[in-house]
PDB file of all heavy atoms in Angstrom:
ATOM      1  N   ILE A   1     -61.876  -1.336  33.495  1.00  0.00           N
ATOM      2  CA  ILE A   1     -63.225  -1.971  33.519  1.00  0.00           C
ATOM      3  C   ILE A   1     -64.146  -1.255  32.509  1.00  0.00           C
ATOM      4  O   ILE A   1     -64.859  -1.915  31.828  1.00  0.00           O
ATOM      5  CB  ILE A   1     -63.797  -1.989  34.935  1.00  0.00           C
ATOM      6  CG1 ILE A   1     -62.982  -2.920  35.862  1.00  0.00           C
ATOM      7  CG2 ILE A   1     -65.297  -2.378  34.899  1.00  0.00           C
ATOM      8  CD1 ILE A   1     -63.340  -2.873  37.323  1.00  0.00           C
ATOM      9  N   LYS A   2     -64.100   0.017  32.544  1.00  0.00           N
ATOM     10  CA  LYS A   2     -64.998   0.820  31.576  1.00  0.00           C
ATOM     11  C   LYS A   2     -64.789   0.466  30.162  1.00  0.00           C
ATOM     12  O   LYS A   2     -65.713   0.280  29.396  1.00  0.00           O
ATOM     13  CB  LYS A   2     -64.800   2.302  31.827  1.00  0.00           C
ATOM     14  CG  LYS A   2     -65.720   3.157  31.016  1.00  0.00           C
ATOM     15  CD  LYS A   2     -65.522   4.678  31.025  1.00  0.00           C
ATOM     16  CE  LYS A   2     -64.728   5.344  32.077  1.00  0.00           C
ATOM     17  NZ  LYS A   2     -64.755   6.811  31.956  1.00  0.00           N
ATOM     18  N   PHE A   3     -63.511   0.283  29.729  1.00  0.00           N
ATOM     19  CA  PHE A   3     -63.192   0.082  28.346  1.00  0.00           C
ATOM     20  C   PHE A   3     -63.076  -1.378  27.969  1.00  0.00           C
ATOM     21  O   PHE A   3     -62.875  -1.612  26.776  1.00  0.00           O
ATOM     22  CB  PHE A   3     -61.968   0.928  27.955  1.00  0.00           C
ATOM     23  CG  PHE A   3     -62.213   2.371  27.970  1.00  0.00           C
ATOM     24  CD1 PHE A   3     -61.769   3.154  28.986  1.00  0.00           C
ATOM     25  CD2 PHE A   3     -62.991   2.988  26.951  1.00  0.00           C
ATOM     26  CE1 PHE A   3     -62.007   4.514  29.026  1.00  0.00           C
ATOM     27  CE2 PHE A   3     -63.204   4.357  26.964  1.00  0.00           C
ATOM     28  CZ  PHE A   3     -62.722   5.122  27.998  1.00  0.00           C
ATOM     29  N   THR A   4     -63.166  -2.259  28.915  1.00  0.00           N
ATOM     30  CA  THR A   4     -63.003  -3.704  28.583  1.00  0.00           C
ATOM     31  C   THR A   4     -64.430  -4.327  28.517  1.00  0.00           C
ATOM     32  O   THR A   4     -65.122  -4.208  29.457  1.00  0.00           O
ATOM     33  CB  THR A   4     -62.137  -4.401  29.625  1.00  0.00           C
ATOM     34  OG1 THR A   4     -60.866  -3.804  29.638  1.00  0.00           O
ATOM     35  CG2 THR A   4     -61.966  -5.887  29.276  1.00  0.00           C
ATOM     36  N   GLU A   5     -64.708  -4.956  27.394  1.00  0.00           N
ATOM     37  CA  GLU A   5     -66.040  -5.560  27.213  1.00  0.00           C
ATOM     38  C   GLU A   5     -65.979  -7.021  27.484  1.00  0.00           C
ATOM     39  O   GLU A   5     -67.010  -7.597  27.965  1.00  0.00           O
ATOM     40  CB  GLU A   5     -66.583  -5.261  25.813  1.00  0.00           C
ATOM     41  CG  GLU A   5     -66.824  -3.835  25.480  1.00  0.00           C
ATOM     42  CD  GLU A   5     -67.811  -3.124  26.468  1.00  0.00           C
ATOM     43  OE1 GLU A   5     -68.736  -3.827  26.906  1.00  0.00           O
ATOM     44  OE2 GLU A   5     -67.631  -1.958  26.825  1.00  0.00           O
ATOM     45  N   VAL A   6     -64.897  -7.702  27.233  1.00  0.00           N
ATOM     46  CA  VAL A   6     -64.758  -9.067  27.406  1.00  0.00           C
ATOM     47  C   VAL A   6     -63.395  -9.449  27.985  1.00  0.00           C
ATOM     48  O   VAL A   6     -62.435  -8.821  27.600  1.00  0.00           O
ATOM     49  CB  VAL A   6     -64.935  -9.864  26.089  1.00  0.00           C
ATOM     50  CG1 VAL A   6     -64.733 -11.345  26.162  1.00  0.00           C
ATOM     51  CG2 VAL A   6     -66.339  -9.591  25.454  1.00  0.00           C
ATOM     52  N   GLY A   7     -63.344 -10.407  28.887  1.00  0.00           N
ATOM     53  CA  GLY A   7     -62.037 -10.836  29.377  1.00  0.00           C
ATOM     54  C   GLY A   7     -61.799 -10.487  30.771  1.00  0.00           C
ATOM     55  O   GLY A   7     -62.624 -10.746  31.692  1.00  0.00           O
ATOM     56  N   GLU A   8     -60.652  -9.832  31.065  1.00  0.00           N
ATOM     57  CA  GLU A   8     -60.249  -9.639  32.431  1.00  0.00           C
ATOM     58  C   GLU A   8     -59.529  -8.307  32.641  1.00  0.00           C
ATOM     59  O   GLU A   8     -59.030  -7.735  31.729  1.00  0.00           O
ATOM     60  CB  GLU A   8     -59.337 -10.766  32.907  1.00  0.00           C
ATOM     61  CG  GLU A   8     -57.968 -10.675  32.338  1.00  0.00           C
ATOM     62  CD  GLU A   8     -56.938 -11.603  33.114  1.00  0.00           C
ATOM     63  OE1 GLU A   8     -57.162 -11.975  34.221  1.00  0.00           O
ATOM     64  OE2 GLU A   8     -55.936 -12.002  32.447  1.00  0.00           O
ATOM     65  N   VAL A   9     -59.525  -7.954  33.919  1.00  0.00           N
ATOM     66  CA  VAL A   9     -58.663  -6.830  34.441  1.00  0.00           C
ATOM     67  C   VAL A   9     -57.878  -7.380  35.587  1.00  0.00           C
ATOM     68  O   VAL A   9     -58.449  -8.032  36.492  1.00  0.00           O
ATOM     69  CB  VAL A   9     -59.576  -5.597  34.874  1.00  0.00           C
ATOM     70  CG1 VAL A   9     -58.715  -4.543  35.531  1.00  0.00           C
ATOM     71  CG2 VAL A   9     -60.402  -5.040  33.722  1.00  0.00           C
ATOM     72  N   ALA A  10     -56.636  -7.117  35.554  1.00  0.00           N
ATOM     73  CA  ALA A  10     -55.698  -7.717  36.580  1.00  0.00           C
ATOM     74  C   ALA A  10     -54.981  -6.582  37.282  1.00  0.00           C
ATOM     75  O   ALA A  10     -54.448  -5.671  36.600  1.00  0.00           O
ATOM     76  CB  ALA A  10     -54.763  -8.705  36.026  1.00  0.00           C
ATOM     77  N   ILE A  11     -54.800  -6.653  38.640  1.00  0.00           N
ATOM     78  CA  ILE A  11     -54.047  -5.663  39.359  1.00  0.00           C
ATOM     79  C   ILE A  11     -52.848  -6.453  39.977  1.00  0.00           C
ATOM     80  O   ILE A  11     -53.064  -7.492  40.579  1.00  0.00           O
ATOM     81  CB  ILE A  11     -54.838  -5.079  40.500  1.00  0.00           C
ATOM     82  CG1 ILE A  11     -56.179  -4.544  39.971  1.00  0.00           C
ATOM     83  CG2 ILE A  11     -54.049  -3.982  41.191  1.00  0.00           C
ATOM     84  CD1 ILE A  11     -57.206  -4.224  41.084  1.00  0.00           C
ATOM     85  N   GLU A  12     -51.644  -5.975  39.750  1.00  0.00           N
ATOM     86  CA  GLU A  12     -50.504  -6.621  40.319  1.00  0.00           C
ATOM     87  C   GLU A  12     -49.669  -5.623  41.084  1.00  0.00           C
ATOM     88  O   GLU A  12     -49.570  -4.422  40.791  1.00  0.00           O
ATOM     89  CB  GLU A  12     -49.615  -7.171  39.194  1.00  0.00           C
ATOM     90  CG  GLU A  12     -50.314  -8.201  38.325  1.00  0.00           C
ATOM     91  CD  GLU A  12     -49.494  -8.661  37.164  1.00  0.00           C
ATOM     92  OE1 GLU A  12     -48.305  -8.307  37.046  1.00  0.00           O
ATOM     93  OE2 GLU A  12     -50.027  -9.394  36.270  1.00  0.00           O
ATOM     94  N   ALA A  13     -49.064  -6.168  42.184  1.00  0.00           N
ATOM     95  CA  ALA A  13     -48.270  -5.299  43.052  1.00  0.00           C
ATOM     96  C   ALA A  13     -47.020  -6.038  43.468  1.00  0.00           C
ATOM     97  O   ALA A  13     -47.104  -7.226  43.891  1.00  0.00           O
ATOM     98  CB  ALA A  13     -49.010  -4.871  44.363  1.00  0.00           C
ATOM     99  N   SER A  14     -45.880  -5.415  43.252  1.00  0.00           N
ATOM    100  CA  SER A  14     -44.586  -6.074  43.633  1.00  0.00           C
ATOM    101  C   SER A  14     -43.574  -4.989  44.099  1.00  0.00           C
ATOM    102  O   SER A  14     -43.948  -3.760  44.053  1.00  0.00           O
ATOM    103  CB  SER A  14     -44.025  -6.871  42.489  1.00  0.00           C
ATOM    104  OG  SER A  14     -43.822  -5.984  41.341  1.00  0.00           O
ATOM    105  N   CYS A  15     -42.462  -5.419  44.440  1.00  0.00           N
ATOM    106  CA  CYS A  15     -41.403  -4.479  44.874  1.00  0.00           C
ATOM    107  C   CYS A  15     -40.107  -5.017  44.487  1.00  0.00           C
ATOM    108  O   CYS A  15     -39.740  -6.155  44.576  1.00  0.00           O
ATOM    109  CB  CYS A  15     -41.490  -4.440  46.440  1.00  0.00           C
ATOM    110  SG  CYS A  15     -40.201  -3.294  47.143  1.00  0.00           S
ATOM    111  N   SER A  16     -39.298  -4.086  43.907  1.00  0.00           N
ATOM    112  CA  SER A  16     -37.855  -4.437  43.599  1.00  0.00           C
ATOM    113  C   SER A  16     -37.042  -3.136  43.465  1.00  0.00           C
ATOM    114  O   SER A  16     -37.613  -2.082  43.168  1.00  0.00           O
ATOM    115  CB  SER A  16     -37.808  -5.236  42.335  1.00  0.00           C
ATOM    116  OG  SER A  16     -38.204  -4.511  41.210  1.00  0.00           O
ATOM    117  N   ASP A  17     -35.778  -3.243  43.800  1.00  0.00           N
ATOM    118  CA  ASP A  17     -34.891  -2.097  43.621  1.00  0.00           C
ATOM    119  C   ASP A  17     -35.362  -0.834  44.318  1.00  0.00           C
ATOM    120  O   ASP A  17     -35.233   0.240  43.764  1.00  0.00           O
ATOM    121  CB  ASP A  17     -34.584  -1.795  42.134  1.00  0.00           C
ATOM    122  CG  ASP A  17     -34.002  -2.963  41.391  1.00  0.00           C
ATOM    123  OD1 ASP A  17     -33.189  -3.695  42.003  1.00  0.00           O
ATOM    124  OD2 ASP A  17     -34.313  -3.200  40.222  1.00  0.00           O
ATOM    125  N   GLY A  18     -35.942  -1.011  45.507  1.00  0.00           N
ATOM    126  CA  GLY A  18     -36.400   0.167  46.272  1.00  0.00           C
ATOM    127  C   GLY A  18     -37.589   0.871  45.776  1.00  0.00           C
ATOM    128  O   GLY A  18     -37.910   1.983  46.107  1.00  0.00           O
ATOM    129  N   SER A  19     -38.378   0.158  44.850  1.00  0.00           N
ATOM    130  CA  SER A  19     -39.592   0.789  44.346  1.00  0.00           C
ATOM    131  C   SER A  19     -40.753  -0.223  44.351  1.00  0.00           C
ATOM    132  O   SER A  19     -40.503  -1.424  44.199  1.00  0.00           O
ATOM    133  CB  SER A  19     -39.363   1.252  42.904  1.00  0.00           C
ATOM    134  OG  SER A  19     -38.429   2.221  42.801  1.00  0.00           O
ATOM    135  N   PHE A  20     -41.904   0.323  44.539  1.00  0.00           N
ATOM    136  CA  PHE A  20     -43.127  -0.485  44.328  1.00  0.00           C
ATOM    137  C   PHE A  20     -43.424  -0.428  42.863  1.00  0.00           C
ATOM    138  O   PHE A  20     -43.222   0.591  42.169  1.00  0.00           O
ATOM    139  CB  PHE A  20     -44.349   0.121  45.093  1.00  0.00           C
ATOM    140  CG  PHE A  20     -44.289  -0.098  46.582  1.00  0.00           C
ATOM    141  CD1 PHE A  20     -44.255   1.014  47.417  1.00  0.00           C
ATOM    142  CD2 PHE A  20     -44.271  -1.317  47.144  1.00  0.00           C
ATOM    143  CE1 PHE A  20     -44.227   0.860  48.777  1.00  0.00           C
ATOM    144  CE2 PHE A  20     -44.221  -1.529  48.499  1.00  0.00           C
ATOM    145  CZ  PHE A  20     -44.218  -0.419  49.331  1.00  0.00           C
ATOM    146  N   ARG A  21     -44.019  -1.501  42.332  1.00  0.00           N
ATOM    147  CA  ARG A  21     -44.519  -1.585  41.015  1.00  0.00           C
ATOM    148  C   ARG A  21     -45.981  -2.021  41.078  1.00  0.00           C
ATOM    149  O   ARG A  21     -46.268  -3.108  41.597  1.00  0.00           O
ATOM    150  CB  ARG A  21     -43.720  -2.568  40.207  1.00  0.00           C
ATOM    151  CG  ARG A  21     -44.205  -2.676  38.765  1.00  0.00           C
ATOM    152  CD  ARG A  21     -43.390  -3.801  37.971  1.00  0.00           C
ATOM    153  NE  ARG A  21     -43.979  -4.021  36.709  1.00  0.00           N
ATOM    154  CZ  ARG A  21     -45.016  -4.817  36.434  1.00  0.00           C
ATOM    155  NH1 ARG A  21     -45.646  -5.424  37.465  1.00  0.00           N
ATOM    156  NH2 ARG A  21     -45.438  -4.984  35.279  1.00  0.00           N
ATOM    157  N   LEU A  22     -46.867  -1.167  40.626  1.00  0.00           N
ATOM    158  CA  LEU A  22     -48.303  -1.509  40.530  1.00  0.00           C
ATOM    159  C   LEU A  22     -48.691  -1.500  39.053  1.00  0.00           C
ATOM    160  O   LEU A  22     -48.328  -0.536  38.334  1.00  0.00           O
ATOM    161  CB  LEU A  22     -49.118  -0.473  41.278  1.00  0.00           C
ATOM    162  CG  LEU A  22     -48.875  -0.253  42.793  1.00  0.00           C
ATOM    163  CD1 LEU A  22     -49.536   1.007  43.331  1.00  0.00           C
ATOM    164  CD2 LEU A  22     -49.498  -1.473  43.495  1.00  0.00           C
ATOM    165  N   ALA A  23     -49.307  -2.530  38.654  1.00  0.00           N
ATOM    166  CA  ALA A  23     -49.694  -2.681  37.221  1.00  0.00           C
ATOM    167  C   ALA A  23     -51.158  -3.013  37.164  1.00  0.00           C
ATOM    168  O   ALA A  23     -51.678  -3.802  37.925  1.00  0.00           O
ATOM    169  CB  ALA A  23     -48.861  -3.733  36.562  1.00  0.00           C
ATOM    170  N   VAL A  24     -51.852  -2.363  36.214  1.00  0.00           N
ATOM    171  CA  VAL A  24     -53.223  -2.670  35.835  1.00  0.00           C
ATOM    172  C   VAL A  24     -53.210  -3.095  34.406  1.00  0.00           C
ATOM    173  O   VAL A  24     -52.925  -2.359  33.516  1.00  0.00           O
ATOM    174  CB  VAL A  24     -54.128  -1.443  36.078  1.00  0.00           C
ATOM    175  CG1 VAL A  24     -55.587  -1.792  35.650  1.00  0.00           C
ATOM    176  CG2 VAL A  24     -54.094  -0.969  37.521  1.00  0.00           C
ATOM    177  N   ARG A  25     -53.604  -4.366  34.222  1.00  0.00           N
ATOM    178  CA  ARG A  25     -53.640  -4.926  32.853  1.00  0.00           C
ATOM    179  C   ARG A  25     -55.038  -5.264  32.445  1.00  0.00           C
ATOM    180  O   ARG A  25     -55.776  -5.766  33.274  1.00  0.00           O
ATOM    181  CB  ARG A  25     -52.746  -6.210  32.865  1.00  0.00           C
ATOM    182  CG  ARG A  25     -52.635  -6.884  31.566  1.00  0.00           C
ATOM    183  CD  ARG A  25     -51.694  -8.155  31.588  1.00  0.00           C
ATOM    184  NE  ARG A  25     -51.821  -8.956  32.811  1.00  0.00           N
ATOM    185  CZ  ARG A  25     -52.785  -9.832  33.022  1.00  0.00           C
ATOM    186  NH1 ARG A  25     -53.718 -10.012  32.139  1.00  0.00           N
ATOM    187  NH2 ARG A  25     -52.842 -10.572  34.133  1.00  0.00           N
ATOM    188  N   ASP A  26     -55.405  -4.990  31.218  1.00  0.00           N
ATOM    189  CA  ASP A  26     -56.732  -5.353  30.744  1.00  0.00           C
ATOM    190  C   ASP A  26     -56.728  -5.976  29.395  1.00  0.00           C
ATOM    191  O   ASP A  26     -55.674  -5.922  28.667  1.00  0.00           O
ATOM    192  CB  ASP A  26     -57.638  -4.107  30.771  1.00  0.00           C
ATOM    193  CG  ASP A  26     -57.242  -3.048  29.705  1.00  0.00           C
ATOM    194  OD1 ASP A  26     -57.197  -3.407  28.513  1.00  0.00           O
ATOM    195  OD2 ASP A  26     -57.003  -1.923  30.123  1.00  0.00           O
ATOM    196  N   SER A  27     -57.802  -6.597  29.055  1.00  0.00           N
ATOM    197  CA  SER A  27     -57.903  -7.221  27.722  1.00  0.00           C
ATOM    198  C   SER A  27     -58.838  -6.405  26.828  1.00  0.00           C
ATOM    199  O   SER A  27     -59.511  -6.916  25.974  1.00  0.00           O
ATOM    200  CB  SER A  27     -58.501  -8.659  27.839  1.00  0.00           C
ATOM    201  OG  SER A  27     -59.772  -8.639  28.519  1.00  0.00           O
ATOM    202  N   GLY A  28     -58.796  -5.106  27.038  1.00  0.00           N
ATOM    203  CA  GLY A  28     -59.649  -4.188  26.309  1.00  0.00           C
ATOM    204  C   GLY A  28     -59.177  -3.879  24.911  1.00  0.00           C
ATOM    205  O   GLY A  28     -58.332  -4.609  24.381  1.00  0.00           O
ATOM    206  N   PRO A  29     -59.680  -2.809  24.284  1.00  0.00           N
ATOM    207  CA  PRO A  29     -59.375  -2.495  22.890  1.00  0.00           C
ATOM    208  C   PRO A  29     -57.961  -2.035  22.624  1.00  0.00           C
ATOM    209  O   PRO A  29     -57.540  -2.024  21.447  1.00  0.00           O
ATOM    210  CB  PRO A  29     -60.411  -1.426  22.535  1.00  0.00           C
ATOM    211  CG  PRO A  29     -60.616  -0.740  23.876  1.00  0.00           C
ATOM    212  CD  PRO A  29     -60.573  -1.824  24.890  1.00  0.00           C
ATOM    213  N   GLY A  30     -57.227  -1.680  23.644  1.00  0.00           N
ATOM    214  CA  GLY A  30     -55.882  -1.159  23.448  1.00  0.00           C
ATOM    215  C   GLY A  30     -55.877   0.289  23.012  1.00  0.00           C
ATOM    216  O   GLY A  30     -56.927   0.892  22.738  1.00  0.00           O
ATOM    217  N   ILE A  31     -54.668   0.872  22.954  1.00  0.00           N
ATOM    218  CA  ILE A  31     -54.506   2.306  22.619  1.00  0.00           C
ATOM    219  C   ILE A  31     -53.465   2.388  21.575  1.00  0.00           C
ATOM    220  O   ILE A  31     -52.364   1.853  21.681  1.00  0.00           O
ATOM    221  CB  ILE A  31     -54.063   3.091  23.862  1.00  0.00           C
ATOM    222  CG1 ILE A  31     -55.061   2.941  25.033  1.00  0.00           C
ATOM    223  CG2 ILE A  31     -53.881   4.562  23.525  1.00  0.00           C
ATOM    224  CD1 ILE A  31     -54.588   3.379  26.366  1.00  0.00           C
ATOM    225  N   ALA A  32     -53.759   3.042  20.489  1.00  0.00           N
ATOM    226  CA  ALA A  32     -52.800   3.245  19.360  1.00  0.00           C
ATOM    227  C   ALA A  32     -51.565   3.959  19.904  1.00  0.00           C
ATOM    228  O   ALA A  32     -51.617   4.826  20.710  1.00  0.00           O
ATOM    229  CB  ALA A  32     -53.431   4.043  18.220  1.00  0.00           C
ATOM    230  N   ALA A  33     -50.465   3.632  19.293  1.00  0.00           N
ATOM    231  CA  ALA A  33     -49.159   4.154  19.698  1.00  0.00           C
ATOM    232  C   ALA A  33     -49.167   5.722  19.597  1.00  0.00           C
ATOM    233  O   ALA A  33     -48.669   6.368  20.478  1.00  0.00           O
ATOM    234  CB  ALA A  33     -47.996   3.627  18.819  1.00  0.00           C
ATOM    235  N   ALA A  34     -49.820   6.229  18.614  1.00  0.00           N
ATOM    236  CA  ALA A  34     -49.894   7.674  18.391  1.00  0.00           C
ATOM    237  C   ALA A  34     -50.646   8.349  19.507  1.00  0.00           C
ATOM    238  O   ALA A  34     -50.429   9.595  19.781  1.00  0.00           O
ATOM    239  CB  ALA A  34     -50.513   8.026  17.046  1.00  0.00           C
ATOM    240  N   ASP A  35     -51.576   7.668  20.150  1.00  0.00           N
ATOM    241  CA  ASP A  35     -52.414   8.247  21.194  1.00  0.00           C
ATOM    242  C   ASP A  35     -51.847   8.068  22.606  1.00  0.00           C
ATOM    243  O   ASP A  35     -52.227   8.753  23.559  1.00  0.00           O
ATOM    244  CB  ASP A  35     -53.824   7.614  21.158  1.00  0.00           C
ATOM    245  CG  ASP A  35     -54.584   8.050  19.952  1.00  0.00           C
ATOM    246  OD1 ASP A  35     -54.391   9.171  19.451  1.00  0.00           O
ATOM    247  OD2 ASP A  35     -55.386   7.192  19.440  1.00  0.00           O
ATOM    248  N   GLN A  36     -50.887   7.184  22.783  1.00  0.00           N
ATOM    249  CA  GLN A  36     -50.368   6.849  24.129  1.00  0.00           C
ATOM    250  C   GLN A  36     -49.747   8.009  24.839  1.00  0.00           C
ATOM    251  O   GLN A  36     -49.976   8.162  26.074  1.00  0.00           O
ATOM    252  CB  GLN A  36     -49.412   5.656  24.079  1.00  0.00           C
ATOM    253  CG  GLN A  36     -50.127   4.388  23.721  1.00  0.00           C
ATOM    254  CD  GLN A  36     -49.242   3.202  23.559  1.00  0.00           C
ATOM    255  OE1 GLN A  36     -48.164   3.144  24.174  1.00  0.00           O
ATOM    256  NE2 GLN A  36     -49.652   2.200  22.753  1.00  0.00           N
ATOM    257  N   ALA A  37     -49.046   8.870  24.221  1.00  0.00           N
ATOM    258  CA  ALA A  37     -48.433  10.042  24.920  1.00  0.00           C
ATOM    259  C   ALA A  37     -49.444  11.067  25.298  1.00  0.00           C
ATOM    260  O   ALA A  37     -49.414  11.726  26.323  1.00  0.00           O
ATOM    261  CB  ALA A  37     -47.353  10.646  24.029  1.00  0.00           C
ATOM    262  N   LYS A  38     -50.495  11.230  24.444  1.00  0.00           N
ATOM    263  CA  LYS A  38     -51.519  12.262  24.665  1.00  0.00           C
ATOM    264  C   LYS A  38     -52.428  11.972  25.852  1.00  0.00           C
ATOM    265  O   LYS A  38     -52.981  12.867  26.426  1.00  0.00           O
ATOM    266  CB  LYS A  38     -52.383  12.388  23.416  1.00  0.00           C
ATOM    267  CG  LYS A  38     -51.675  13.011  22.247  1.00  0.00           C
ATOM    268  CD  LYS A  38     -52.638  13.343  21.119  1.00  0.00           C
ATOM    269  CE  LYS A  38     -53.357  12.134  20.572  1.00  0.00           C
ATOM    270  NZ  LYS A  38     -54.138  12.354  19.359  1.00  0.00           N
ATOM    271  N   ILE A  39     -52.644  10.647  26.147  1.00  0.00           N
ATOM    272  CA  ILE A  39     -53.677  10.327  27.132  1.00  0.00           C
ATOM    273  C   ILE A  39     -53.350  10.871  28.548  1.00  0.00           C
ATOM    274  O   ILE A  39     -54.269  10.969  29.382  1.00  0.00           O
ATOM    275  CB  ILE A  39     -53.992   8.851  27.198  1.00  0.00           C
ATOM    276  CG1 ILE A  39     -52.725   8.071  27.637  1.00  0.00           C
ATOM    277  CG2 ILE A  39     -54.543   8.331  25.910  1.00  0.00           C
ATOM    278  CD1 ILE A  39     -52.935   6.556  27.877  1.00  0.00           C
ATOM    279  N   PHE A  40     -52.106  11.215  28.808  1.00  0.00           N
ATOM    280  CA  PHE A  40     -51.740  11.751  30.135  1.00  0.00           C
ATOM    281  C   PHE A  40     -51.832  13.286  30.195  1.00  0.00           C
ATOM    282  O   PHE A  40     -51.602  13.902  31.217  1.00  0.00           O
ATOM    283  CB  PHE A  40     -50.347  11.316  30.490  1.00  0.00           C
ATOM    284  CG  PHE A  40     -50.253   9.823  30.747  1.00  0.00           C
ATOM    285  CD1 PHE A  40     -49.614   8.984  29.874  1.00  0.00           C
ATOM    286  CD2 PHE A  40     -50.785   9.267  31.948  1.00  0.00           C
ATOM    287  CE1 PHE A  40     -49.509   7.654  30.070  1.00  0.00           C
ATOM    288  CE2 PHE A  40     -50.674   7.897  32.141  1.00  0.00           C
ATOM    289  CZ  PHE A  40     -50.049   7.065  31.206  1.00  0.00           C
ATOM    290  N   GLU A  41     -52.236  13.924  29.084  1.00  0.00           N
ATOM    291  CA  GLU A  41     -52.471  15.335  29.072  1.00  0.00           C
ATOM    292  C   GLU A  41     -53.889  15.722  29.454  1.00  0.00           C
ATOM    293  O   GLU A  41     -54.820  14.951  29.213  1.00  0.00           O
ATOM    294  CB  GLU A  41     -52.185  15.910  27.656  1.00  0.00           C
ATOM    295  CG  GLU A  41     -50.749  15.708  27.179  1.00  0.00           C
ATOM    296  CD  GLU A  41     -50.519  16.032  25.778  1.00  0.00           C
ATOM    297  OE1 GLU A  41     -51.373  16.682  25.109  1.00  0.00           O
ATOM    298  OE2 GLU A  41     -49.467  15.656  25.191  1.00  0.00           O
ATOM    299  N   GLU A  42     -54.044  16.861  30.114  1.00  0.00           N
ATOM    300  CA  GLU A  42     -55.393  17.311  30.496  1.00  0.00           C
ATOM    301  C   GLU A  42     -56.352  17.402  29.365  1.00  0.00           C
ATOM    302  O   GLU A  42     -55.963  17.850  28.265  1.00  0.00           O
ATOM    303  CB  GLU A  42     -55.349  18.661  31.223  1.00  0.00           C
ATOM    304  CG  GLU A  42     -54.696  18.581  32.586  1.00  0.00           C
ATOM    305  CD  GLU A  42     -54.778  19.959  33.296  1.00  0.00           C
ATOM    306  OE1 GLU A  42     -55.293  20.899  32.762  1.00  0.00           O
ATOM    307  OE2 GLU A  42     -54.218  19.938  34.376  1.00  0.00           O
ATOM    308  N   PHE A  43     -57.559  16.939  29.552  1.00  0.00           N
ATOM    309  CA  PHE A  43     -58.696  17.022  28.577  1.00  0.00           C
ATOM    310  C   PHE A  43     -58.371  16.213  27.331  1.00  0.00           C
ATOM    311  O   PHE A  43     -59.009  16.506  26.297  1.00  0.00           O
ATOM    312  CB  PHE A  43     -59.038  18.458  28.319  1.00  0.00           C
ATOM    313  CG  PHE A  43     -59.381  19.264  29.558  1.00  0.00           C
ATOM    314  CD1 PHE A  43     -58.549  20.296  29.957  1.00  0.00           C
ATOM    315  CD2 PHE A  43     -60.458  18.961  30.286  1.00  0.00           C
ATOM    316  CE1 PHE A  43     -58.805  21.002  31.093  1.00  0.00           C
ATOM    317  CE2 PHE A  43     -60.762  19.696  31.458  1.00  0.00           C
ATOM    318  CZ  PHE A  43     -59.929  20.719  31.867  1.00  0.00           C
ATOM    319  N   GLN A  44     -57.494  15.323  27.337  1.00  0.00           N
ATOM    320  CA  GLN A  44     -57.142  14.529  26.173  1.00  0.00           C
ATOM    321  C   GLN A  44     -57.762  13.091  26.313  1.00  0.00           C
ATOM    322  O   GLN A  44     -57.595  12.517  27.380  1.00  0.00           O
ATOM    323  CB  GLN A  44     -55.655  14.448  25.921  1.00  0.00           C
ATOM    324  CG  GLN A  44     -55.030  15.757  25.628  1.00  0.00           C
ATOM    325  CD  GLN A  44     -55.560  16.358  24.266  1.00  0.00           C
ATOM    326  OE1 GLN A  44     -55.683  15.695  23.289  1.00  0.00           O
ATOM    327  NE2 GLN A  44     -55.927  17.606  24.302  1.00  0.00           N
ATOM    328  N   GLN A  45     -58.365  12.621  25.337  1.00  0.00           N
ATOM    329  CA  GLN A  45     -58.878  11.262  25.280  1.00  0.00           C
ATOM    330  C   GLN A  45     -58.584  10.715  23.918  1.00  0.00           C
ATOM    331  O   GLN A  45     -58.472  11.467  22.953  1.00  0.00           O
ATOM    332  CB  GLN A  45     -60.389  11.214  25.583  1.00  0.00           C
ATOM    333  CG  GLN A  45     -60.758  11.660  26.955  1.00  0.00           C
ATOM    334  CD  GLN A  45     -62.275  11.616  27.170  1.00  0.00           C
ATOM    335  OE1 GLN A  45     -63.076  11.957  26.288  1.00  0.00           O
ATOM    336  NE2 GLN A  45     -62.661  11.190  28.328  1.00  0.00           N
TER     337      GLN A  45
END
């Protein structure tokens, strides 16, 4: 919600193969491939 200015945010929940799958999809600006690994590290944005 914070990073999406126009469009939607969707939350999906399902189950298969003994696992839950929760997905949060947005129509925001996206994240460059080079930044995708870093965003899960502490103090990285």
